[in-house]
Amino acid sequence: MHRVLRKLLTAPSPITPFCAMEAHSGLSARIAANVGHSVLWGSGLTISASRGVRDAGELTHCQILNAAIEIVEAAPNVPLLLDGDEGGPSFNTARRFCNLLQRAGVAGVVFEDK
């Protein structure tokens, strides 16, 4: 799926942020895919909220990975761009997390520095 996302982002008329639809579960991913969205955005805020915790790094990488797998399985033909928050306590943690996400079918990860 990362090739599909790259193609969309490098097209002569690239997608706008308004074309990516937020998905925090398999159900929300399926709905977004069924109405024609070309990219899904896995928001850290909504993934956390849908699991009953704050968006403050309270979910483990395993829990985020499981959410991503659920989203990818529900909409396998739509690339998922995932909010990776800070990526973890170290570069190596972030690298390993990205490898797991890539194997799960996530098209891309966005990390932020706090």
PDB file of N, CA and C in Angstrom:
ATOM      1  N   MET A   1       0.806  -1.200   0.000  1.00  0.00           N
ATOM      2  CA  MET A   1       0.000   0.000   0.000  1.00  0.00           C
ATOM      3  C   MET A   1       0.852   1.268   0.000  1.00  0.00           C
ATOM      4  N   HIS A   2       2.098   1.183   0.451  1.00  0.00           N
ATOM      5  CA  HIS A   2       2.909   2.399   0.456  1.00  0.00           C
ATOM      6  C   HIS A   2       3.145   2.911  -0.961  1.00  0.00           C
ATOM      7  N   ARG A   3       3.179   2.026  -1.949  1.00  0.00           N
ATOM      8  CA  ARG A   3       3.346   2.467  -3.341  1.00  0.00           C
ATOM      9  C   ARG A   3       2.116   3.231  -3.820  1.00  0.00           C
ATOM     10  N   VAL A   4       0.936   2.784  -3.400  1.00  0.00           N
ATOM     11  CA  VAL A   4      -0.300   3.479  -3.757  1.00  0.00           C
ATOM     12  C   VAL A   4      -0.303   4.874  -3.142  1.00  0.00           C
ATOM     13  N   LEU A   5       0.076   4.969  -1.867  1.00  0.00           N
ATOM     14  CA  LEU A   5       0.131   6.273  -1.199  1.00  0.00           C
ATOM     15  C   LEU A   5       1.150   7.176  -1.878  1.00  0.00           C
ATOM     16  N   ARG A   6       2.328   6.647  -2.189  1.00  0.00           N
ATOM     17  CA  ARG A   6       3.366   7.442  -2.869  1.00  0.00           C
ATOM     18  C   ARG A   6       2.861   7.949  -4.215  1.00  0.00           C
ATOM     19  N   LYS A   7       2.170   7.094  -4.967  1.00  0.00           N
ATOM     20  CA  LYS A   7       1.624   7.495  -6.263  1.00  0.00           C
ATOM     21  C   LYS A   7       0.609   8.623  -6.099  1.00  0.00           C
ATOM     22  N   LEU A   8      -0.254   8.508  -5.086  1.00  0.00           N
ATOM     23  CA  LEU A   8      -1.244   9.565  -4.836  1.00  0.00           C
ATOM     24  C   LEU A   8      -0.574  10.888  -4.449  1.00  0.00           C
ATOM     25  N   LEU A   9       0.474  10.804  -3.635  1.00  0.00           N
ATOM     26  CA  LEU A   9       1.137  12.016  -3.155  1.00  0.00           C
ATOM     27  C   LEU A   9       2.010  12.685  -4.212  1.00  0.00           C
ATOM     28  N   THR A  10       2.471  11.915  -5.207  1.00  0.00           N
ATOM     29  CA  THR A  10       3.353  12.487  -6.231  1.00  0.00           C
ATOM     30  C   THR A  10       2.647  12.726  -7.557  1.00  0.00           C
ATOM     31  N   ALA A  11       1.341  12.532  -7.587  1.00  0.00           N
ATOM     32  CA  ALA A  11       0.571  12.768  -8.808  1.00  0.00           C
ATOM     33  C   ALA A  11       0.602  14.256  -9.157  1.00  0.00           C
ATOM     34  N   PRO A  12       0.416  14.579 -10.454  1.00  0.00           N
ATOM     35  CA  PRO A  12       0.407  15.994 -10.853  1.00  0.00           C
ATOM     36  C   PRO A  12      -0.594  16.835 -10.061  1.00  0.00           C
ATOM     37  N   SER A  13      -1.715  16.241  -9.696  1.00  0.00           N
ATOM     38  CA  SER A  13      -2.716  16.885  -8.857  1.00  0.00           C
ATOM     39  C   SER A  13      -2.782  16.089  -7.563  1.00  0.00           C
ATOM     40  N   PRO A  14      -1.873  16.344  -6.617  1.00  0.00           N
ATOM     41  CA  PRO A  14      -1.856  15.514  -5.407  1.00  0.00           C
ATOM     42  C   PRO A  14      -3.135  15.670  -4.603  1.00  0.00           C
ATOM     43  N   ILE A  15      -3.401  14.650  -3.802  1.00  0.00           N
ATOM     44  CA  ILE A  15      -4.590  14.692  -2.962  1.00  0.00           C
ATOM     45  C   ILE A  15      -4.471  15.835  -1.966  1.00  0.00           C
ATOM     46  N   THR A  16      -5.588  16.288  -1.503  1.00  0.00           N
ATOM     47  CA  THR A  16      -5.589  17.318  -0.479  1.00  0.00           C
ATOM     48  C   THR A  16      -5.882  16.647   0.858  1.00  0.00           C
ATOM     49  N   PRO A  17      -5.561  17.306   1.958  1.00  0.00           N
ATOM     50  CA  PRO A  17      -5.870  16.710   3.256  1.00  0.00           C
ATOM     51  C   PRO A  17      -7.344  16.365   3.430  1.00  0.00           C
ATOM     52  N   PHE A  18      -8.202  17.039   2.701  1.00  0.00           N
ATOM     53  CA  PHE A  18      -9.625  16.799   2.840  1.00  0.00           C
ATOM     54  C   PHE A  18     -10.065  15.504   2.163  1.00  0.00           C
ATOM     55  N   CYS A  19      -9.201  14.874   1.379  1.00  0.00           N
ATOM     56  CA  CYS A  19      -9.532  13.600   0.740  1.00  0.00           C
ATOM     57  C   CYS A  19      -9.226  12.419   1.648  1.00  0.00           C
ATOM     58  N   ALA A  20      -8.374  12.606   2.624  1.00  0.00           N
ATOM     59  CA  ALA A  20      -8.057  11.529   3.561  1.00  0.00           C
ATOM     60  C   ALA A  20      -9.104  11.545   4.672  1.00  0.00           C
ATOM     61  N   MET A  21      -9.664  10.384   4.944  1.00  0.00           N
ATOM     62  CA  MET A  21     -10.704  10.295   5.974  1.00  0.00           C
ATOM     63  C   MET A  21     -10.143   9.594   7.195  1.00  0.00           C
ATOM     64  N   GLU A  22     -10.462  10.117   8.354  1.00  0.00           N
ATOM     65  CA  GLU A  22     -10.019   9.529   9.621  1.00  0.00           C
ATOM     66  C   GLU A  22     -10.692   8.179   9.818  1.00  0.00           C
ATOM     67  N   ALA A  23      -9.902   7.223  10.311  1.00  0.00           N
ATOM     68  CA  ALA A  23     -10.436   5.903  10.655  1.00  0.00           C
ATOM     69  C   ALA A  23      -9.782   5.454  11.953  1.00  0.00           C
ATOM     70  N   HIS A  24     -10.586   5.003  12.883  1.00  0.00           N
ATOM     71  CA  HIS A  24     -10.063   4.560  14.176  1.00  0.00           C
ATOM     72  C   HIS A  24     -10.450   3.126  14.498  1.00  0.00           C
ATOM     73  N   SER A  25     -11.200   2.516  13.593  1.00  0.00           N
ATOM     74  CA  SER A  25     -11.659   1.137  13.795  1.00  0.00           C
ATOM     75  C   SER A  25     -11.940   0.522  12.433  1.00  0.00           C
ATOM     76  N   GLY A  26     -12.206  -0.771  12.455  1.00  0.00           N
ATOM     77  CA  GLY A  26     -12.566  -1.434  11.215  1.00  0.00           C
ATOM     78  C   GLY A  26     -13.849  -0.875  10.620  1.00  0.00           C
ATOM     79  N   LEU A  27     -14.808  -0.570  11.478  1.00  0.00           N
ATOM     80  CA  LEU A  27     -16.079  -0.031  10.996  1.00  0.00           C
ATOM     81  C   LEU A  27     -15.897   1.323  10.325  1.00  0.00           C
ATOM     82  N   SER A  28     -15.177   2.231  10.972  1.00  0.00           N
ATOM     83  CA  SER A  28     -14.982   3.552  10.375  1.00  0.00           C
ATOM     84  C   SER A  28     -14.163   3.452   9.085  1.00  0.00           C
ATOM     85  N   ALA A  29     -13.220   2.510   9.028  1.00  0.00           N
ATOM     86  CA  ALA A  29     -12.434   2.311   7.806  1.00  0.00           C
ATOM     87  C   ALA A  29     -13.318   1.803   6.670  1.00  0.00           C
ATOM     88  N   ARG A  30     -14.171   0.856   6.980  1.00  0.00           N
ATOM     89  CA  ARG A  30     -15.064   0.297   5.949  1.00  0.00           C
ATOM     90  C   ARG A  30     -16.002   1.364   5.416  1.00  0.00           C
ATOM     91  N   ILE A  31     -16.548   2.187   6.299  1.00  0.00           N
ATOM     92  CA  ILE A  31     -17.445   3.260   5.857  1.00  0.00           C
ATOM     93  C   ILE A  31     -16.708   4.237   4.950  1.00  0.00           C
ATOM     94  N   ALA A  32     -15.516   4.658   5.359  1.00  0.00           N
ATOM     95  CA  ALA A  32     -14.734   5.605   4.557  1.00  0.00           C
ATOM     96  C   ALA A  32     -14.389   5.012   3.195  1.00  0.00           C
ATOM     97  N   ALA A  33     -14.008   3.746   3.166  1.00  0.00           N
ATOM     98  CA  ALA A  33     -13.673   3.091   1.900  1.00  0.00           C
ATOM     99  C   ALA A  33     -14.909   2.979   1.007  1.00  0.00           C
ATOM    100  N   ASN A  34     -16.039   2.648   1.597  1.00  0.00           N
ATOM    101  CA  ASN A  34     -17.260   2.462   0.806  1.00  0.00           C
ATOM    102  C   ASN A  34     -17.774   3.750   0.177  1.00  0.00           C
ATOM    103  N   VAL A  35     -17.475   4.895   0.785  1.00  0.00           N
ATOM    104  CA  VAL A  35     -17.924   6.157   0.183  1.00  0.00           C
ATOM    105  C   VAL A  35     -16.868   6.766  -0.734  1.00  0.00           C
ATOM    106  N   GLY A  36     -15.737   6.056  -0.908  1.00  0.00           N
ATOM    107  CA  GLY A  36     -14.788   6.456  -1.941  1.00  0.00           C
ATOM    108  C   GLY A  36     -13.572   7.237  -1.516  1.00  0.00           C
ATOM    109  N   HIS A  37     -13.253   7.298  -0.240  1.00  0.00           N
ATOM    110  CA  HIS A  37     -12.047   8.017   0.161  1.00  0.00           C
ATOM    111  C   HIS A  37     -10.815   7.269  -0.314  1.00  0.00           C
ATOM    112  N   SER A  38      -9.816   8.009  -0.782  1.00  0.00           N
ATOM    113  CA  SER A  38      -8.633   7.390  -1.386  1.00  0.00           C
ATOM    114  C   SER A  38      -7.532   7.104  -0.383  1.00  0.00           C
ATOM    115  N   VAL A  39      -7.585   7.724   0.798  1.00  0.00           N
ATOM    116  CA  VAL A  39      -6.579   7.522   1.839  1.00  0.00           C
ATOM    117  C   VAL A  39      -7.277   7.556   3.193  1.00  0.00           C
ATOM    118  N   LEU A  40      -6.803   6.704   4.111  1.00  0.00           N
ATOM    119  CA  LEU A  40      -7.305   6.726   5.485  1.00  0.00           C
ATOM    120  C   LEU A  40      -6.236   7.318   6.394  1.00  0.00           C
ATOM    121  N   TRP A  41      -6.680   8.088   7.387  1.00  0.00           N
ATOM    122  CA  TRP A  41      -5.787   8.671   8.388  1.00  0.00           C
ATOM    123  C   TRP A  41      -6.110   8.037   9.728  1.00  0.00           C
ATOM    124  N   GLY A  42      -5.165   7.319  10.298  1.00  0.00           N
ATOM    125  CA  GLY A  42      -5.342   6.715  11.606  1.00  0.00           C
ATOM    126  C   GLY A  42      -4.875   7.682  12.671  1.00  0.00           C
ATOM    127  N   SER A  43      -5.783   8.424  13.234  1.00  0.00           N
ATOM    128  CA  SER A  43      -5.472   9.473  14.198  1.00  0.00           C
ATOM    129  C   SER A  43      -5.178   8.892  15.577  1.00  0.00           C
ATOM    130  N   GLY A  44      -4.084   9.331  16.172  1.00  0.00           N
ATOM    131  CA  GLY A  44      -3.766   8.900  17.528  1.00  0.00           C
ATOM    132  C   GLY A  44      -4.847   9.290  18.520  1.00  0.00           C
ATOM    133  N   LEU A  45      -5.425  10.465  18.327  1.00  0.00           N
ATOM    134  CA  LEU A  45      -6.488  10.935  19.216  1.00  0.00           C
ATOM    135  C   LEU A  45      -7.688  10.005  19.177  1.00  0.00           C
ATOM    136  N   THR A  46      -8.184   9.710  17.986  1.00  0.00           N
ATOM    137  CA  THR A  46      -9.410   8.920  17.909  1.00  0.00           C
ATOM    138  C   THR A  46      -9.168   7.437  18.184  1.00  0.00           C
ATOM    139  N   ILE A  47      -7.998   6.922  17.831  1.00  0.00           N
ATOM    140  CA  ILE A  47      -7.690   5.531  18.179  1.00  0.00           C
ATOM    141  C   ILE A  47      -7.647   5.400  19.701  1.00  0.00           C
ATOM    142  N   SER A  48      -7.019   6.362  20.365  1.00  0.00           N
ATOM    143  CA  SER A  48      -6.976   6.345  21.830  1.00  0.00           C
ATOM    144  C   SER A  48      -8.367   6.491  22.425  1.00  0.00           C
ATOM    145  N   ALA A  49      -9.118   7.480  21.955  1.00  0.00           N
ATOM    146  CA  ALA A  49     -10.451   7.737  22.503  1.00  0.00           C
ATOM    147  C   ALA A  49     -11.381   6.546  22.305  1.00  0.00           C
ATOM    148  N   SER A  50     -11.279   5.887  21.142  1.00  0.00           N
ATOM    149  CA  SER A  50     -12.166   4.746  20.887  1.00  0.00           C
ATOM    150  C   SER A  50     -11.825   3.554  21.774  1.00  0.00           C
ATOM    151  N   ARG A  51     -10.668   3.596  22.396  1.00  0.00           N
ATOM    152  CA  ARG A  51     -10.264   2.538  23.328  1.00  0.00           C
ATOM    153  C   ARG A  51     -10.326   3.001  24.775  1.00  0.00           C
ATOM    154  N   GLY A  52     -10.914   4.181  24.975  1.00  0.00           N
ATOM    155  CA  GLY A  52     -11.197   4.659  26.325  1.00  0.00           C
ATOM    156  C   GLY A  52     -10.023   5.243  27.087  1.00  0.00           C
ATOM    157  N   VAL A  53      -8.986   5.680  26.370  1.00  0.00           N
ATOM    158  CA  VAL A  53      -7.842   6.296  27.054  1.00  0.00           C
ATOM    159  C   VAL A  53      -7.547   7.661  26.448  1.00  0.00           C
ATOM    160  N   ARG A  54      -6.748   8.426  27.156  1.00  0.00           N
ATOM    161  CA  ARG A  54      -6.363   9.755  26.666  1.00  0.00           C
ATOM    162  C   ARG A  54      -5.327   9.633  25.550  1.00  0.00           C
ATOM    163  N   ASP A  55      -5.210  10.671  24.756  1.00  0.00           N
ATOM    164  CA  ASP A  55      -4.184  10.731  23.708  1.00  0.00           C
ATOM    165  C   ASP A  55      -2.907  11.273  24.340  1.00  0.00           C
ATOM    166  N   ALA A  56      -2.338  10.473  25.218  1.00  0.00           N
ATOM    167  CA  ALA A  56      -1.158  10.907  25.965  1.00  0.00           C
ATOM    168  C   ALA A  56      -0.140   9.773  26.068  1.00  0.00           C
ATOM    169  N   GLY A  57      -0.036   8.984  24.995  1.00  0.00           N
ATOM    170  CA  GLY A  57       0.901   7.880  24.987  1.00  0.00           C
ATOM    171  C   GLY A  57       0.504   6.726  25.887  1.00  0.00           C
ATOM    172  N   GLU A  58      -0.781   6.592  26.174  1.00  0.00           N
ATOM    173  CA  GLU A  58      -1.244   5.533  27.069  1.00  0.00           C
ATOM    174  C   GLU A  58      -1.424   4.189  26.368  1.00  0.00           C
ATOM    175  N   LEU A  59      -1.571   4.195  25.047  1.00  0.00           N
ATOM    176  CA  LEU A  59      -1.665   2.936  24.321  1.00  0.00           C
ATOM    177  C   LEU A  59      -0.264   2.400  24.049  1.00  0.00           C
ATOM    178  N   THR A  60      -0.122   1.091  24.123  1.00  0.00           N
ATOM    179  CA  THR A  60       1.160   0.469  23.783  1.00  0.00           C
ATOM    180  C   THR A  60       1.286   0.370  22.269  1.00  0.00           C
ATOM    181  N   HIS A  61       2.495   0.114  21.815  1.00  0.00           N
ATOM    182  CA  HIS A  61       2.688  -0.093  20.379  1.00  0.00           C
ATOM    183  C   HIS A  61       1.873  -1.288  19.897  1.00  0.00           C
ATOM    184  N   CYS A  62       1.743  -2.305  20.722  1.00  0.00           N
ATOM    185  CA  CYS A  62       0.931  -3.473  20.346  1.00  0.00           C
ATOM    186  C   CYS A  62      -0.527  -3.091  20.153  1.00  0.00           C
ATOM    187  N   GLN A  63      -1.052  -2.237  21.015  1.00  0.00           N
ATOM    188  CA  GLN A  63      -2.444  -1.811  20.878  1.00  0.00           C
ATOM    189  C   GLN A  63      -2.640  -0.964  19.625  1.00  0.00           C
ATOM    190  N   ILE A  64      -1.690  -0.103  19.326  1.00  0.00           N
ATOM    191  CA  ILE A  64      -1.770   0.708  18.108  1.00  0.00           C
ATOM    192  C   ILE A  64      -1.647  -0.189  16.883  1.00  0.00           C
ATOM    193  N   LEU A  65      -0.729  -1.136  16.931  1.00  0.00           N
ATOM    194  CA  LEU A  65      -0.561  -2.088  15.834  1.00  0.00           C
ATOM    195  C   LEU A  65      -1.848  -2.867  15.601  1.00  0.00           C
ATOM    196  N   ASN A  66      -2.481  -3.331  16.659  1.00  0.00           N
ATOM    197  CA  ASN A  66      -3.747  -4.065  16.515  1.00  0.00           C
ATOM    198  C   ASN A  66      -4.831  -3.191  15.896  1.00  0.00           C
ATOM    199  N   ALA A  67      -4.888  -1.930  16.287  1.00  0.00           N
ATOM    200  CA  ALA A  67      -5.863  -1.011  15.684  1.00  0.00           C
ATOM    201  C   ALA A  67      -5.571  -0.837  14.195  1.00  0.00           C
ATOM    202  N   ALA A  68      -4.294  -0.695  13.849  1.00  0.00           N
ATOM    203  CA  ALA A  68      -3.907  -0.534  12.449  1.00  0.00           C
ATOM    204  C   ALA A  68      -4.271  -1.778  11.635  1.00  0.00           C
ATOM    205  N   ILE A  69      -4.021  -2.942  12.194  1.00  0.00           N
ATOM    206  CA  ILE A  69      -4.365  -4.189  11.498  1.00  0.00           C
ATOM    207  C   ILE A  69      -5.872  -4.251  11.249  1.00  0.00           C
ATOM    208  N   GLU A  70      -6.654  -3.877  12.253  1.00  0.00           N
ATOM    209  CA  GLU A  70      -8.113  -3.872  12.110  1.00  0.00           C
ATOM    210  C   GLU A  70      -8.548  -2.948  10.971  1.00  0.00           C
ATOM    211  N   ILE A  71      -7.942  -1.778  10.905  1.00  0.00           N
ATOM    212  CA  ILE A  71      -8.285  -0.802   9.866  1.00  0.00           C
ATOM    213  C   ILE A  71      -7.878  -1.323   8.491  1.00  0.00           C
ATOM    214  N   VAL A  72      -6.653  -1.834   8.375  1.00  0.00           N
ATOM    215  CA  VAL A  72      -6.151  -2.338   7.094  1.00  0.00           C
ATOM    216  C   VAL A  72      -6.988  -3.525   6.609  1.00  0.00           C
ATOM    217  N   GLU A  73      -7.349  -4.414   7.503  1.00  0.00           N
ATOM    218  CA  GLU A  73      -8.157  -5.583   7.110  1.00  0.00           C
ATOM    219  C   GLU A  73      -9.558  -5.176   6.656  1.00  0.00           C
ATOM    220  N   ALA A  74     -10.092  -4.129   7.244  1.00  0.00           N
ATOM    221  CA  ALA A  74     -11.439  -3.681   6.875  1.00  0.00           C
ATOM    222  C   ALA A  74     -11.462  -2.932   5.548  1.00  0.00           C
ATOM    223  N   ALA A  75     -10.344  -2.306   5.185  1.00  0.00           N
ATOM    224  CA  ALA A  75     -10.267  -1.538   3.935  1.00  0.00           C
ATOM    225  C   ALA A  75      -8.927  -1.826   3.259  1.00  0.00           C
ATOM    226  N   PRO A  76      -8.743  -3.054   2.758  1.00  0.00           N
ATOM    227  CA  PRO A  76      -7.431  -3.457   2.253  1.00  0.00           C
ATOM    228  C   PRO A  76      -6.955  -2.723   1.004  1.00  0.00           C
ATOM    229  N   ASN A  77      -7.857  -2.077   0.286  1.00  0.00           N
ATOM    230  CA  ASN A  77      -7.471  -1.392  -0.945  1.00  0.00           C
ATOM    231  C   ASN A  77      -7.273   0.105  -0.775  1.00  0.00           C
ATOM    232  N   VAL A  78      -7.348   0.580   0.460  1.00  0.00           N
ATOM    233  CA  VAL A  78      -7.174   2.011   0.728  1.00  0.00           C
ATOM    234  C   VAL A  78      -5.961   2.174   1.634  1.00  0.00           C
ATOM    235  N   PRO A  79      -4.952   2.949   1.211  1.00  0.00           N
ATOM    236  CA  PRO A  79      -3.753   3.104   2.046  1.00  0.00           C
ATOM    237  C   PRO A  79      -4.062   3.803   3.367  1.00  0.00           C
ATOM    238  N   LEU A  80      -3.420   3.314   4.426  1.00  0.00           N
ATOM    239  CA  LEU A  80      -3.559   3.897   5.761  1.00  0.00           C
ATOM    240  C   LEU A  80      -2.302   4.667   6.109  1.00  0.00           C
ATOM    241  N   LEU A  81      -2.462   5.936   6.425  1.00  0.00           N
ATOM    242  CA  LEU A  81      -1.401   6.780   6.953  1.00  0.00           C
ATOM    243  C   LEU A  81      -1.681   6.906   8.444  1.00  0.00           C
ATOM    244  N   LEU A  82      -0.741   6.451   9.265  1.00  0.00           N
ATOM    245  CA  LEU A  82      -0.981   6.327  10.696  1.00  0.00           C
ATOM    246  C   LEU A  82      -0.218   7.372  11.492  1.00  0.00           C
ATOM    247  N   ASP A  83      -0.884   7.919  12.485  1.00  0.00           N
ATOM    248  CA  ASP A  83      -0.266   8.826  13.449  1.00  0.00           C
ATOM    249  C   ASP A  83       0.547   7.978  14.419  1.00  0.00           C
ATOM    250  N   GLY A  84       1.865   8.118  14.368  1.00  0.00           N
ATOM    251  CA  GLY A  84       2.742   7.338  15.237  1.00  0.00           C
ATOM    252  C   GLY A  84       3.166   8.080  16.484  1.00  0.00           C
ATOM    253  N   ASP A  85       2.543   9.235  16.757  1.00  0.00           N
ATOM    254  CA  ASP A  85       2.903  10.089  17.889  1.00  0.00           C
ATOM    255  C   ASP A  85       4.409  10.341  17.888  1.00  0.00           C
ATOM    256  N   GLU A  86       5.105  10.081  18.993  1.00  0.00           N
ATOM    257  CA  GLU A  86       6.550  10.341  19.045  1.00  0.00           C
ATOM    258  C   GLU A  86       7.360   9.143  18.568  1.00  0.00           C
ATOM    259  N   GLY A  87       6.728   8.007  18.371  1.00  0.00           N
ATOM    260  CA  GLY A  87       7.425   6.829  17.892  1.00  0.00           C
ATOM    261  C   GLY A  87       8.037   5.962  18.963  1.00  0.00           C
ATOM    262  N   GLY A  88       8.119   6.462  20.149  1.00  0.00           N
ATOM    263  CA  GLY A  88       8.678   5.667  21.237  1.00  0.00           C
ATOM    264  C   GLY A  88       9.839   6.369  21.912  1.00  0.00           C
ATOM    265  N   PRO A  89      10.408   5.703  22.862  1.00  0.00           N
ATOM    266  CA  PRO A  89      11.476   6.351  23.637  1.00  0.00           C
ATOM    267  C   PRO A  89      12.800   6.461  22.896  1.00  0.00           C
ATOM    268  N   SER A  90      12.970   5.753  21.784  1.00  0.00           N
ATOM    269  CA  SER A  90      14.253   5.803  21.080  1.00  0.00           C
ATOM    270  C   SER A  90      14.049   5.597  19.584  1.00  0.00           C
ATOM    271  N   PHE A  91      15.106   5.897  18.844  1.00  0.00           N
ATOM    272  CA  PHE A  91      15.087   5.687  17.399  1.00  0.00           C
ATOM    273  C   PHE A  91      14.843   4.217  17.071  1.00  0.00           C
ATOM    274  N   ASN A  92      15.507   3.326  17.780  1.00  0.00           N
ATOM    275  CA  ASN A  92      15.362   1.898  17.497  1.00  0.00           C
ATOM    276  C   ASN A  92      13.950   1.402  17.763  1.00  0.00           C
ATOM    277  N   THR A  93      13.299   1.930  18.795  1.00  0.00           N
ATOM    278  CA  THR A  93      11.910   1.567  19.062  1.00  0.00           C
ATOM    279  C   THR A  93      11.024   2.016  17.905  1.00  0.00           C
ATOM    280  N   ALA A  94      11.245   3.236  17.434  1.00  0.00           N
ATOM    281  CA  ALA A  94      10.460   3.760  16.312  1.00  0.00           C
ATOM    282  C   ALA A  94      10.720   2.941  15.049  1.00  0.00           C
ATOM    283  N   ARG A  95      11.950   2.572  14.815  1.00  0.00           N
ATOM    284  CA  ARG A  95      12.304   1.778  13.636  1.00  0.00           C
ATOM    285  C   ARG A  95      11.613   0.414  13.675  1.00  0.00           C
ATOM    286  N   ARG A  96      11.660  -0.243  14.816  1.00  0.00           N
ATOM    287  CA  ARG A  96      11.014  -1.554  14.953  1.00  0.00           C
ATOM    288  C   ARG A  96       9.500  -1.429  14.806  1.00  0.00           C
ATOM    289  N   PHE A  97       8.931  -0.365  15.376  1.00  0.00           N
ATOM    290  CA  PHE A  97       7.495  -0.125  15.263  1.00  0.00           C
ATOM    291  C   PHE A  97       7.112   0.056  13.792  1.00  0.00           C
ATOM    292  N   CYS A  98       7.898   0.821  13.051  1.00  0.00           N
ATOM    293  CA  CYS A  98       7.626   1.036  11.620  1.00  0.00           C
ATOM    294  C   CYS A  98       7.700  -0.276  10.840  1.00  0.00           C
ATOM    295  N   ASN A  99       8.674  -1.104  11.158  1.00  0.00           N
ATOM    296  CA  ASN A  99       8.786  -2.398  10.483  1.00  0.00           C
ATOM    297  C   ASN A  99       7.546  -3.253  10.710  1.00  0.00           C
ATOM    298  N   LEU A 100       7.053  -3.275  11.947  1.00  0.00           N
ATOM    299  CA  LEU A 100       5.838  -4.036  12.254  1.00  0.00           C
ATOM    300  C   LEU A 100       4.631  -3.478  11.504  1.00  0.00           C
ATOM    301  N   LEU A 101       4.522  -2.153  11.479  1.00  0.00           N
ATOM    302  CA  LEU A 101       3.404  -1.519  10.778  1.00  0.00           C
ATOM    303  C   LEU A 101       3.463  -1.794   9.284  1.00  0.00           C
ATOM    304  N   GLN A 102       4.662  -1.745   8.723  1.00  0.00           N
ATOM    305  CA  GLN A 102       4.810  -2.016   7.299  1.00  0.00           C
ATOM    306  C   GLN A 102       4.379  -3.448   6.975  1.00  0.00           C
ATOM    307  N   ARG A 103       4.795  -4.409   7.800  1.00  0.00           N
ATOM    308  CA  ARG A 103       4.389  -5.800   7.585  1.00  0.00           C
ATOM    309  C   ARG A 103       2.881  -5.978   7.734  1.00  0.00           C
ATOM    310  N   ALA A 104       2.259  -5.124   8.536  1.00  0.00           N
ATOM    311  CA  ALA A 104       0.803  -5.197   8.728  1.00  0.00           C
ATOM    312  C   ALA A 104       0.034  -4.543   7.585  1.00  0.00           C
ATOM    313  N   GLY A 105       0.744  -3.850   6.690  1.00  0.00           N
ATOM    314  CA  GLY A 105       0.088  -3.235   5.540  1.00  0.00           C
ATOM    315  C   GLY A 105      -0.162  -1.749   5.662  1.00  0.00           C
ATOM    316  N   VAL A 106       0.382  -1.112   6.693  1.00  0.00           N
ATOM    317  CA  VAL A 106       0.237   0.341   6.843  1.00  0.00           C
ATOM    318  C   VAL A 106       1.110   1.025   5.799  1.00  0.00           C
ATOM    319  N   ALA A 107       0.546   1.994   5.094  1.00  0.00           N
ATOM    320  CA  ALA A 107       1.251   2.643   3.993  1.00  0.00           C
ATOM    321  C   ALA A 107       2.269   3.676   4.447  1.00  0.00           C
ATOM    322  N   GLY A 108       2.038   4.324   5.581  1.00  0.00           N
ATOM    323  CA  GLY A 108       2.960   5.341   6.064  1.00  0.00           C
ATOM    324  C   GLY A 108       2.680   5.701   7.504  1.00  0.00           C
ATOM    325  N   VAL A 109       3.697   6.279   8.149  1.00  0.00           N
ATOM    326  CA  VAL A 109       3.586   6.679   9.546  1.00  0.00           C
ATOM    327  C   VAL A 109       4.074   8.110   9.671  1.00  0.00           C
ATOM    328  N   VAL A 110       3.383   8.889  10.465  1.00  0.00           N
ATOM    329  CA  VAL A 110       3.772  10.268  10.734  1.00  0.00           C
ATOM    330  C   VAL A 110       4.212  10.345  12.185  1.00  0.00           C
ATOM    331  N   PHE A 111       5.463  10.789  12.405  1.00  0.00           N
ATOM    332  CA  PHE A 111       5.979  10.991  13.764  1.00  0.00           C
ATOM    333  C   PHE A 111       6.077  12.478  14.033  1.00  0.00           C
ATOM    334  N   GLU A 112       5.881  12.848  15.275  1.00  0.00           N
ATOM    335  CA  GLU A 112       5.996  14.251  15.672  1.00  0.00           C
ATOM    336  C   GLU A 112       6.955  14.351  16.845  1.00  0.00           C
ATOM    337  N   ASP A 113       7.553  15.473  16.971  1.00  0.00           N
ATOM    338  CA  ASP A 113       8.495  15.711  18.051  1.00  0.00           C
ATOM    339  C   ASP A 113       7.828  16.628  19.063  1.00  0.00           C
ATOM    340  N   LYS A 114       7.814  16.205  20.325  1.00  0.00           N
ATOM    341  CA  LYS A 114       7.172  17.044  21.340  1.00  0.00           C
ATOM    342  C   LYS A 114       8.206  17.771  22.139  1.00  0.00           C
TER     343      LYS A 114
END
